[in-house]
Amino acid sequence: MDNKAQAALEYLLLIAGAVVVAAVVIIALGGITNSTQNKTHNTLTHWLTHIS
């Protein structure tokens, strides 16, 4: 019985670790996307002000 409990606990910890890694990746990708969006917006605004 102890082996089954240990296996279940290890499985739950593995899943928890995967969830944490996925959350970190999603947050990192969100930060990269926002940074790129801001740079693109600033560049377009800069070009448009020089054209007019």
Protein backbone atom coordinates (compact mmCIF):
# COMPACT_ATOMS: atom_id res chain seq x y z
CA MET A 1 0.00 0.00 0.00
CA ASP A 2 2.86 2.40 0.75
CA ASN A 3 4.32 1.95 -2.72
CA LYS A 4 1.03 2.98 -4.34
CA ALA A 5 0.79 6.09 -2.17
CA GLN A 6 4.37 7.04 -3.00
CA ALA A 7 3.76 6.51 -6.71
CA ALA A 8 0.61 8.64 -6.56
CA LEU A 9 2.41 11.43 -4.72
CA GLU A 10 5.29 11.37 -7.21
CA TYR A 11 2.79 11.52 -10.09
CA LEU A 12 1.01 14.52 -8.54
CA LEU A 13 4.33 16.31 -7.98
CA LEU A 14 5.31 15.65 -11.58
CA ILE A 15 2.04 17.11 -12.84
CA ALA A 16 2.41 20.13 -10.51
CA GLY A 17 5.91 20.74 -11.87
CA ALA A 18 4.62 20.58 -15.45
CA VAL A 19 1.89 23.10 -14.61
CA VAL A 20 4.45 25.49 -13.09
CA VAL A 21 6.70 25.20 -16.15
CA ALA A 22 3.74 25.81 -18.48
CA ALA A 23 2.70 28.89 -16.48
CA VAL A 24 6.23 30.33 -16.63
CA VAL A 25 6.37 29.78 -20.40
CA ILE A 26 2.97 31.42 -20.93
CA ILE A 27 3.95 34.42 -18.81
CA ALA A 28 7.28 34.76 -20.64
CA LEU A 29 5.62 34.59 -24.06
CA GLY A 30 3.08 37.18 -22.95
CA GLY A 31 5.87 39.55 -21.92
CA ILE A 32 7.69 39.08 -25.23
CA THR A 33 4.47 39.70 -27.18
CA ASN A 34 3.69 42.91 -25.26
CA SER A 35 7.26 44.15 -25.71
CA THR A 36 7.13 43.51 -29.46
CA GLN A 37 3.73 45.19 -29.74
CA ASN A 38 4.99 48.30 -27.96
CA LYS A 39 8.10 48.51 -30.16
CA THR A 40 6.02 48.12 -33.33
CA HIS A 41 3.57 50.78 -32.17
CA ASN A 42 6.39 53.21 -31.32
CA THR A 43 8.11 52.62 -34.67
CA LEU A 44 4.92 53.18 -36.65
CA THR A 45 4.11 56.30 -34.66
CA HIS A 46 7.63 57.61 -35.29
CA TRP A 47 7.36 56.98 -39.04
CA LEU A 48 3.91 58.56 -39.26
CA THR A 49 5.01 61.73 -37.48
CA HIS A 50 7.94 62.14 -39.90
CA ILE A 51 5.76 61.55 -42.97
CA SER A 52 3.23 64.26 -42.07
